[in-house]
């Protein structure tokens, strides 16, 4: 089972660009997979709204891994593509 951006409506407005859209854009343009927590980290650093579920830690002393620079760049490109930044 494959995935193609041709099947996805890429005319999504910046308010409607979901994590799924961002992940697909990064995969298509940069050939890498990114996680929702990484997308949330980058969105938060850009001052964008992040849903409450993506900011809560599951354990009291949990430390979220930091998004690697190459993935941060790819996510930023996707956010620019959707005109979110």
PDB file of N, CA and C in Angstrom:
ATOM      1  N   UNK A   1       0.842  -1.166   0.000  1.00  0.00           N
ATOM      2  CA  UNK A   1       0.000   0.000   0.000  1.00  0.00           C
ATOM      3  C   UNK A   1       0.887   1.229   0.000  1.00  0.00           C
ATOM      4  N   UNK A   2       0.731   2.089  -0.985  1.00  0.00           N
ATOM      5  CA  UNK A   2       1.559   3.271  -1.108  1.00  0.00           C
ATOM      6  C   UNK A   2       0.807   4.526  -0.750  1.00  0.00           C
ATOM      7  N   UNK A   3       1.547   5.602  -0.729  1.00  0.00           N
ATOM      8  CA  UNK A   3       0.958   6.895  -0.418  1.00  0.00           C
ATOM      9  C   UNK A   3       1.427   7.877  -1.470  1.00  0.00           C
ATOM     10  N   UNK A   4       0.521   8.679  -1.961  1.00  0.00           N
ATOM     11  CA  UNK A   4       0.878   9.659  -2.972  1.00  0.00           C
ATOM     12  C   UNK A   4       0.235  10.987  -2.640  1.00  0.00           C
ATOM     13  N   UNK A   5       1.005  12.048  -2.807  1.00  0.00           N
ATOM     14  CA  UNK A   5       0.449  13.378  -2.585  1.00  0.00           C
ATOM     15  C   UNK A   5      -0.553  13.744  -3.671  1.00  0.00           C
ATOM     16  N   UNK A   6      -0.532  13.011  -4.790  1.00  0.00           N
ATOM     17  CA  UNK A   6      -1.490  13.273  -5.858  1.00  0.00           C
ATOM     18  C   UNK A   6      -2.918  13.020  -5.389  1.00  0.00           C
ATOM     19  N   UNK A   7      -3.070  12.103  -4.433  1.00  0.00           N
ATOM     20  CA  UNK A   7      -4.394  11.777  -3.906  1.00  0.00           C
ATOM     21  C   UNK A   7      -4.843  12.762  -2.831  1.00  0.00           C
ATOM     22  N   UNK A   8      -3.948  13.630  -2.403  1.00  0.00           N
ATOM     23  CA  UNK A   8      -4.248  14.551  -1.315  1.00  0.00           C
ATOM     24  C   UNK A   8      -4.523  15.944  -1.867  1.00  0.00           C
ATOM     25  N   UNK A   9      -5.474  16.606  -1.294  1.00  0.00           N
ATOM     26  CA  UNK A   9      -5.793  17.974  -1.684  1.00  0.00           C
ATOM     27  C   UNK A   9      -4.740  18.897  -1.099  1.00  0.00           C
ATOM     28  N   UNK A  10      -3.830  19.384  -1.932  1.00  0.00           N
ATOM     29  CA  UNK A  10      -2.745  20.231  -1.459  1.00  0.00           C
ATOM     30  C   UNK A  10      -3.148  21.703  -1.414  1.00  0.00           C
ATOM     31  N   UNK A  11      -4.425  21.988  -1.660  1.00  0.00           N
ATOM     32  CA  UNK A  11      -4.903  23.359  -1.580  1.00  0.00           C
ATOM     33  C   UNK A  11      -5.398  23.689  -0.171  1.00  0.00           C
ATOM     34  N   UNK A  12      -4.964  22.917   0.780  1.00  0.00           N
ATOM     35  CA  UNK A  12      -5.386  23.087   2.165  1.00  0.00           C
ATOM     36  C   UNK A  12      -4.909  24.446   2.665  1.00  0.00           C
ATOM     37  N   UNK A  13      -5.807  25.167   3.295  1.00  0.00           N
ATOM     38  CA  UNK A  13      -5.421  26.475   3.830  1.00  0.00           C
ATOM     39  C   UNK A  13      -4.572  26.286   5.073  1.00  0.00           C
ATOM     40  N   UNK A  14      -3.894  27.357   5.479  1.00  0.00           N
ATOM     41  CA  UNK A  14      -2.988  27.258   6.625  1.00  0.00           C
ATOM     42  C   UNK A  14      -3.729  26.873   7.900  1.00  0.00           C
ATOM     43  N   UNK A  15      -5.005  27.208   7.995  1.00  0.00           N
ATOM     44  CA  UNK A  15      -5.754  26.862   9.194  1.00  0.00           C
ATOM     45  C   UNK A  15      -6.161  25.396   9.211  1.00  0.00           C
ATOM     46  N   UNK A  16      -6.139  24.758   8.054  1.00  0.00           N
ATOM     47  CA  UNK A  16      -6.583  23.373   7.960  1.00  0.00           C
ATOM     48  C   UNK A  16      -5.437  22.381   7.823  1.00  0.00           C
ATOM     49  N   UNK A  17      -4.211  22.842   7.689  1.00  0.00           N
ATOM     50  CA  UNK A  17      -3.074  21.938   7.506  1.00  0.00           C
ATOM     51  C   UNK A  17      -2.867  21.122   8.781  1.00  0.00           C
ATOM     52  N   UNK A  18      -3.138  19.847   8.689  1.00  0.00           N
ATOM     53  CA  UNK A  18      -3.036  18.974   9.852  1.00  0.00           C
ATOM     54  C   UNK A  18      -1.633  18.388   9.946  1.00  0.00           C
ATOM     55  N   UNK A  19      -1.395  17.687  11.035  1.00  0.00           N
ATOM     56  CA  UNK A  19      -0.115  17.008  11.204  1.00  0.00           C
ATOM     57  C   UNK A  19       0.074  16.005  10.065  1.00  0.00           C
ATOM     58  N   UNK A  20      -1.009  15.388   9.637  1.00  0.00           N
ATOM     59  CA  UNK A  20      -0.958  14.432   8.531  1.00  0.00           C
ATOM     60  C   UNK A  20      -0.466  15.113   7.256  1.00  0.00           C
ATOM     61  N   UNK A  21      -0.947  16.319   7.001  1.00  0.00           N
ATOM     62  CA  UNK A  21      -0.514  17.069   5.817  1.00  0.00           C
ATOM     63  C   UNK A  21       0.969  17.431   5.910  1.00  0.00           C
ATOM     64  N   UNK A  22       1.387  17.877   7.084  1.00  0.00           N
ATOM     65  CA  UNK A  22       2.783  18.260   7.276  1.00  0.00           C
ATOM     66  C   UNK A  22       3.683  17.042   7.097  1.00  0.00           C
ATOM     67  N   UNK A  23       3.304  15.909   7.702  1.00  0.00           N
ATOM     68  CA  UNK A  23       4.087  14.681   7.568  1.00  0.00           C
ATOM     69  C   UNK A  23       4.201  14.254   6.112  1.00  0.00           C
ATOM     70  N   UNK A  24       3.092  14.348   5.362  1.00  0.00           N
ATOM     71  CA  UNK A  24       3.097  13.961   3.953  1.00  0.00           C
ATOM     72  C   UNK A  24       3.988  14.884   3.128  1.00  0.00           C
ATOM     73  N   UNK A  25       3.934  16.152   3.403  1.00  0.00           N
ATOM     74  CA  UNK A  25       4.752  17.134   2.680  1.00  0.00           C
ATOM     75  C   UNK A  25       6.243  16.893   2.943  1.00  0.00           C
ATOM     76  N   UNK A  26       6.605  16.642   4.190  1.00  0.00           N
ATOM     77  CA  UNK A  26       8.003  16.361   4.533  1.00  0.00           C
ATOM     78  C   UNK A  26       8.462  15.078   3.848  1.00  0.00           C
ATOM     79  N   UNK A  27       7.627  14.068   3.868  1.00  0.00           N
ATOM     80  CA  UNK A  27       7.973  12.793   3.234  1.00  0.00           C
ATOM     81  C   UNK A  27       8.186  12.959   1.734  1.00  0.00           C
ATOM     82  N   UNK A  28       7.288  13.675   1.093  1.00  0.00           N
ATOM     83  CA  UNK A  28       7.352  13.865  -0.356  1.00  0.00           C
ATOM     84  C   UNK A  28       8.555  14.722  -0.762  1.00  0.00           C
ATOM     85  N   UNK A  29       8.801  15.809  -0.048  1.00  0.00           N
ATOM     86  CA  UNK A  29       9.835  16.761  -0.455  1.00  0.00           C
ATOM     87  C   UNK A  29      11.225  16.459   0.097  1.00  0.00           C
ATOM     88  N   UNK A  30      11.299  15.763   1.229  1.00  0.00           N
ATOM     89  CA  UNK A  30      12.598  15.530   1.858  1.00  0.00           C
ATOM     90  C   UNK A  30      12.915  14.051   2.043  1.00  0.00           C
ATOM     91  N   UNK A  31      11.953  13.186   1.759  1.00  0.00           N
ATOM     92  CA  UNK A  31      12.196  11.751   1.856  1.00  0.00           C
ATOM     93  C   UNK A  31      12.474  11.250   3.255  1.00  0.00           C
ATOM     94  N   UNK A  32      11.901  11.912   4.246  1.00  0.00           N
ATOM     95  CA  UNK A  32      12.095  11.459   5.627  1.00  0.00           C
ATOM     96  C   UNK A  32      10.767  11.486   6.376  1.00  0.00           C
ATOM     97  N   UNK A  33      10.711  10.693   7.420  1.00  0.00           N
ATOM     98  CA  UNK A  33       9.526  10.660   8.265  1.00  0.00           C
ATOM     99  C   UNK A  33       9.779  11.521   9.490  1.00  0.00           C
ATOM    100  N   UNK A  34       8.736  12.245   9.898  1.00  0.00           N
ATOM    101  CA  UNK A  34       8.818  13.047  11.114  1.00  0.00           C
ATOM    102  C   UNK A  34       7.657  12.683  12.019  1.00  0.00           C
ATOM    103  N   UNK A  35       7.878  12.816  13.300  1.00  0.00           N
ATOM    104  CA  UNK A  35       6.840  12.462  14.271  1.00  0.00           C
ATOM    105  C   UNK A  35       6.015  13.692  14.643  1.00  0.00           C
ATOM    106  N   UNK A  36       4.851  13.432  15.168  1.00  0.00           N
ATOM    107  CA  UNK A  36       3.973  14.512  15.619  1.00  0.00           C
ATOM    108  C   UNK A  36       4.637  15.339  16.729  1.00  0.00           C
ATOM    109  N   UNK A  37       5.328  14.711  17.696  1.00  0.00           N
ATOM    110  CA  UNK A  37       6.004  15.545  18.710  1.00  0.00           C
ATOM    111  C   UNK A  37       7.055  16.487  18.106  1.00  0.00           C
ATOM    112  N   UNK A  38       7.763  16.040  17.064  1.00  0.00           N
ATOM    113  CA  UNK A  38       8.736  16.921  16.408  1.00  0.00           C
ATOM    114  C   UNK A  38       8.021  18.083  15.734  1.00  0.00           C
ATOM    115  N   UNK A  39       6.917  17.801  15.064  1.00  0.00           N
ATOM    116  CA  UNK A  39       6.153  18.866  14.414  1.00  0.00           C
ATOM    117  C   UNK A  39       5.660  19.851  15.468  1.00  0.00           C
ATOM    118  N   UNK A  40       5.181  19.337  16.586  1.00  0.00           N
ATOM    119  CA  UNK A  40       4.700  20.192  17.670  1.00  0.00           C
ATOM    120  C   UNK A  40       5.812  21.080  18.215  1.00  0.00           C
ATOM    121  N   UNK A  41       7.013  20.515  18.380  1.00  0.00           N
ATOM    122  CA  UNK A  41       8.138  21.303  18.880  1.00  0.00           C
ATOM    123  C   UNK A  41       8.433  22.475  17.947  1.00  0.00           C
ATOM    124  N   UNK A  42       8.465  22.201  16.651  1.00  0.00           N
ATOM    125  CA  UNK A  42       8.784  23.245  15.681  1.00  0.00           C
ATOM    126  C   UNK A  42       7.668  24.290  15.645  1.00  0.00           C
ATOM    127  N   UNK A  43       6.407  23.827  15.661  1.00  0.00           N
ATOM    128  CA  UNK A  43       5.284  24.769  15.663  1.00  0.00           C
ATOM    129  C   UNK A  43       5.344  25.668  16.892  1.00  0.00           C
ATOM    130  N   UNK A  44       5.648  25.071  18.045  1.00  0.00           N
ATOM    131  CA  UNK A  44       5.723  25.837  19.290  1.00  0.00           C
ATOM    132  C   UNK A  44       6.830  26.883  19.209  1.00  0.00           C
ATOM    133  N   UNK A  45       7.993  26.509  18.648  1.00  0.00           N
ATOM    134  CA  UNK A  45       9.108  27.453  18.511  1.00  0.00           C
ATOM    135  C   UNK A  45       8.766  28.594  17.562  1.00  0.00           C
ATOM    136  N   UNK A  46       7.846  28.340  16.632  1.00  0.00           N
ATOM    137  CA  UNK A  46       7.422  29.376  15.681  1.00  0.00           C
ATOM    138  C   UNK A  46       6.262  30.206  16.230  1.00  0.00           C
ATOM    139  N   UNK A  47       5.787  29.869  17.417  1.00  0.00           N
ATOM    140  CA  UNK A  47       4.692  30.606  18.033  1.00  0.00           C
ATOM    141  C   UNK A  47       3.329  30.203  17.511  1.00  0.00           C
ATOM    142  N   UNK A  48       3.239  29.029  16.881  1.00  0.00           N
ATOM    143  CA  UNK A  48       1.959  28.552  16.358  1.00  0.00           C
ATOM    144  C   UNK A  48       1.209  27.764  17.427  1.00  0.00           C
ATOM    145  N   UNK A  49      -0.094  27.721  17.289  1.00  0.00           N
ATOM    146  CA  UNK A  49      -0.940  26.975  18.225  1.00  0.00           C
ATOM    147  C   UNK A  49      -0.652  25.484  18.114  1.00  0.00           C
ATOM    148  N   UNK A  50      -0.508  24.858  19.263  1.00  0.00           N
ATOM    149  CA  UNK A  50      -0.304  23.414  19.332  1.00  0.00           C
ATOM    150  C   UNK A  50      -1.391  22.865  20.234  1.00  0.00           C
ATOM    151  N   UNK A  51      -2.065  21.834  19.801  1.00  0.00           N
ATOM    152  CA  UNK A  51      -3.123  21.233  20.602  1.00  0.00           C
ATOM    153  C   UNK A  51      -2.613  20.752  21.951  1.00  0.00           C
ATOM    154  N   UNK A  52      -3.479  20.756  22.918  1.00  0.00           N
ATOM    155  CA  UNK A  52      -3.095  20.404  24.284  1.00  0.00           C
ATOM    156  C   UNK A  52      -2.517  18.993  24.366  1.00  0.00           C
ATOM    157  N   UNK A  53      -3.050  18.038  23.631  1.00  0.00           N
ATOM    158  CA  UNK A  53      -2.570  16.658  23.699  1.00  0.00           C
ATOM    159  C   UNK A  53      -1.127  16.522  23.249  1.00  0.00           C
ATOM    160  N   UNK A  54      -0.651  17.443  22.431  1.00  0.00           N
ATOM    161  CA  UNK A  54       0.716  17.355  21.930  1.00  0.00           C
ATOM    162  C   UNK A  54       1.713  18.058  22.838  1.00  0.00           C
ATOM    163  N   UNK A  55       1.239  18.672  23.888  1.00  0.00           N
ATOM    164  CA  UNK A  55       2.151  19.369  24.797  1.00  0.00           C
ATOM    165  C   UNK A  55       2.228  18.699  26.157  1.00  0.00           C
ATOM    166  N   UNK A  56       1.361  17.767  26.422  1.00  0.00           N
ATOM    167  CA  UNK A  56       1.347  17.117  27.727  1.00  0.00           C
ATOM    168  C   UNK A  56       2.283  15.922  27.752  1.00  0.00           C
ATOM    169  N   UNK A  57       3.019  15.801  28.840  1.00  0.00           N
ATOM    170  CA  UNK A  57       3.896  14.665  29.034  1.00  0.00           C
ATOM    171  C   UNK A  57       3.077  13.508  29.605  1.00  0.00           C
ATOM    172  N   UNK A  58       3.415  12.307  29.212  1.00  0.00           N
ATOM    173  CA  UNK A  58       2.680  11.135  29.720  1.00  0.00           C
ATOM    174  C   UNK A  58       3.164  10.723  31.102  1.00  0.00           C
ATOM    175  N   UNK A  59       4.393  11.065  31.423  1.00  0.00           N
ATOM    176  CA  UNK A  59       4.908  10.780  32.757  1.00  0.00           C
ATOM    177  C   UNK A  59       5.410  12.071  33.368  1.00  0.00           C
ATOM    178  N   UNK A  60       5.577  12.050  34.655  1.00  0.00           N
ATOM    179  CA  UNK A  60       5.924  13.275  35.368  1.00  0.00           C
ATOM    180  C   UNK A  60       7.312  13.810  35.008  1.00  0.00           C
ATOM    181  N   UNK A  61       8.290  12.930  34.865  1.00  0.00           N
ATOM    182  CA  UNK A  61       9.670  13.356  34.618  1.00  0.00           C
ATOM    183  C   UNK A  61      10.124  13.067  33.184  1.00  0.00           C
ATOM    184  N   UNK A  62       9.201  12.971  32.267  1.00  0.00           N
ATOM    185  CA  UNK A  62       9.556  12.629  30.889  1.00  0.00           C
ATOM    186  C   UNK A  62      10.321  13.759  30.223  1.00  0.00           C
ATOM    187  N   UNK A  63      11.276  13.380  29.392  1.00  0.00           N
ATOM    188  CA  UNK A  63      12.044  14.348  28.614  1.00  0.00           C
ATOM    189  C   UNK A  63      11.823  14.017  27.151  1.00  0.00           C
ATOM    190  N   UNK A  64      11.285  14.958  26.443  1.00  0.00           N
ATOM    191  CA  UNK A  64      11.030  14.753  25.020  1.00  0.00           C
ATOM    192  C   UNK A  64      12.332  14.925  24.250  1.00  0.00           C
ATOM    193  N   UNK A  65      12.621  14.009  23.319  1.00  0.00           N
ATOM    194  CA  UNK A  65      13.825  14.180  22.503  1.00  0.00           C
ATOM    195  C   UNK A  65      13.693  15.420  21.628  1.00  0.00           C
ATOM    196  N   UNK A  66      14.788  16.107  21.437  1.00  0.00           N
ATOM    197  CA  UNK A  66      14.786  17.316  20.617  1.00  0.00           C
ATOM    198  C   UNK A  66      14.823  16.944  19.148  1.00  0.00           C
ATOM    199  N   UNK A  67      14.102  17.697  18.366  1.00  0.00           N
ATOM    200  CA  UNK A  67      14.018  17.481  16.932  1.00  0.00           C
ATOM    201  C   UNK A  67      15.396  17.724  16.302  1.00  0.00           C
ATOM    202  N   UNK A  68      15.915  16.763  15.532  1.00  0.00           N
ATOM    203  CA  UNK A  68      17.203  16.951  14.858  1.00  0.00           C
ATOM    204  C   UNK A  68      17.136  18.124  13.865  1.00  0.00           C
ATOM    205  N   UNK A  69      18.243  18.817  13.656  1.00  0.00           N
ATOM    206  CA  UNK A  69      18.250  19.992  12.781  1.00  0.00           C
ATOM    207  C   UNK A  69      17.727  19.739  11.366  1.00  0.00           C
ATOM    208  N   UNK A  70      18.069  18.579  10.773  1.00  0.00           N
ATOM    209  CA  UNK A  70      17.615  18.303   9.407  1.00  0.00           C
ATOM    210  C   UNK A  70      16.102  18.103   9.350  1.00  0.00           C
ATOM    211  N   UNK A  71      15.530  17.526  10.399  1.00  0.00           N
ATOM    212  CA  UNK A  71      14.081  17.349  10.434  1.00  0.00           C
ATOM    213  C   UNK A  71      13.395  18.675  10.739  1.00  0.00           C
ATOM    214  N   UNK A  72      14.020  19.499  11.574  1.00  0.00           N
ATOM    215  CA  UNK A  72      13.466  20.819  11.869  1.00  0.00           C
ATOM    216  C   UNK A  72      13.380  21.635  10.581  1.00  0.00           C
ATOM    217  N   UNK A  73      14.422  21.598   9.768  1.00  0.00           N
ATOM    218  CA  UNK A  73      14.434  22.317   8.495  1.00  0.00           C
ATOM    219  C   UNK A  73      13.334  21.809   7.575  1.00  0.00           C
ATOM    220  N   UNK A  74      13.171  20.494   7.508  1.00  0.00           N
ATOM    221  CA  UNK A  74      12.137  19.903   6.650  1.00  0.00           C
ATOM    222  C   UNK A  74      10.741  20.303   7.125  1.00  0.00           C
ATOM    223  N   UNK A  75      10.519  20.307   8.431  1.00  0.00           N
ATOM    224  CA  UNK A  75       9.215  20.700   8.977  1.00  0.00           C
ATOM    225  C   UNK A  75       8.963  22.181   8.711  1.00  0.00           C
ATOM    226  N   UNK A  76       9.991  23.002   8.875  1.00  0.00           N
ATOM    227  CA  UNK A  76       9.844  24.431   8.591  1.00  0.00           C
ATOM    228  C   UNK A  76       9.458  24.645   7.127  1.00  0.00           C
ATOM    229  N   UNK A  77      10.074  23.896   6.216  1.00  0.00           N
ATOM    230  CA  UNK A  77       9.726  23.995   4.796  1.00  0.00           C
ATOM    231  C   UNK A  77       8.258  23.644   4.571  1.00  0.00           C
ATOM    232  N   UNK A  78       7.783  22.600   5.248  1.00  0.00           N
ATOM    233  CA  UNK A  78       6.382  22.198   5.103  1.00  0.00           C
ATOM    234  C   UNK A  78       5.447  23.273   5.660  1.00  0.00           C
ATOM    235  N   UNK A  79       5.805  23.860   6.793  1.00  0.00           N
ATOM    236  CA  UNK A  79       4.974  24.921   7.371  1.00  0.00           C
ATOM    237  C   UNK A  79       4.931  26.137   6.443  1.00  0.00           C
ATOM    238  N   UNK A  80       6.053  26.424   5.799  1.00  0.00           N
ATOM    239  CA  UNK A  80       6.076  27.519   4.820  1.00  0.00           C
ATOM    240  C   UNK A  80       5.216  27.167   3.611  1.00  0.00           C
ATOM    241  N   UNK A  81       5.280  25.907   3.187  1.00  0.00           N
ATOM    242  CA  UNK A  81       4.463  25.455   2.050  1.00  0.00           C
ATOM    243  C   UNK A  81       2.981  25.704   2.312  1.00  0.00           C
ATOM    244  N   UNK A  82       2.545  25.443   3.533  1.00  0.00           N
ATOM    245  CA  UNK A  82       1.146  25.639   3.894  1.00  0.00           C
ATOM    246  C   UNK A  82       0.864  27.062   4.383  1.00  0.00           C
ATOM    247  N   UNK A  83       1.837  27.934   4.252  1.00  0.00           N
ATOM    248  CA  UNK A  83       1.724  29.348   4.608  1.00  0.00           C
ATOM    249  C   UNK A  83       1.324  29.529   6.078  1.00  0.00           C
ATOM    250  N   UNK A  84       1.888  28.685   6.922  1.00  0.00           N
ATOM    251  CA  UNK A  84       1.625  28.792   8.355  1.00  0.00           C
ATOM    252  C   UNK A  84       2.650  29.708   9.007  1.00  0.00           C
ATOM    253  N   UNK A  85       3.788  29.856   8.350  1.00  0.00           N
ATOM    254  CA  UNK A  85       4.820  30.788   8.832  1.00  0.00           C
ATOM    255  C   UNK A  85       5.297  31.622   7.662  1.00  0.00           C
TER     256      UNK A  85
END
